[in-house]
Amino acid sequence: MVSKIGGVTALGLVVALYLAVPAVQAKTYKGTFVITGESIDVFDNFSFDGSKANSAVLSTGWGTDSLGDVGPGQSVSEYSIDVATPCTFKGPLGNPEAGVTLTLVGSVGAGHSSGGPLSGDTSAQGTTGTGCSDLSNGDFLVTETDTLSGLLSKNKKTTGTRTYTIVGVTLSAPATPGYGFFQWFKSTGNFSEKVVPVP
């Protein structure tokens, strides 16, 4: 009898302690961000679909967000160029420009941040993207949406999305027989990330 009572008492104590531990809660963070950096073409070295006629670039930048996170990032993206479909956009200086239509083929990226609630490592994969590029001077504007996932500090993981606009200018495009380009860009957008502790 003593043994049975003791067992029930112990079980009750375990249940009480379990109920006393706060349930693990997911938290969603929303904010805005800015990334500035440079891109270089990688037409001959990277493609999502095997095409060398598309615009494929490797970009490196530094980002900040409205929650206090800062850090570097790098991505590679590929956009198809439709010269038969004209478009217009506001260039890097806010001036109206005309160009050809860009459509996302694929993009992937990774970044590291610190200083805010999203400190850690996050990867991104493009889902949709369209834009316009002025082939006469290399100015461009693109709007893209990515899915996000990552492992943050303090044993937390994150998933989410971000939507942003990239505006940029070509700083160098060597004349024939040279080829390629070097660009400056600025990305501005918003994000929503759900963060949960890792068991």
Foldseek 3Di string as FASTA:
>chain_A
DVVVVVVVVVVVVVVVVVVVDDDFDKDKDKWKKKKKWKKWFDLPPDDPVPDSQWTKIKIKIWMAIPFFKIWIKIKIWTWGWDQPAKDWDQAPVRHIDIFTKIWTPWMKMKIAIDGGPQGGIKMKIWDTKMWGAHPVWGWIKMKTKIWMWGAHPPQKIKTWMKIKMKTKGWPDADDPVGGITMMIIMIITMIMMMMTHHD
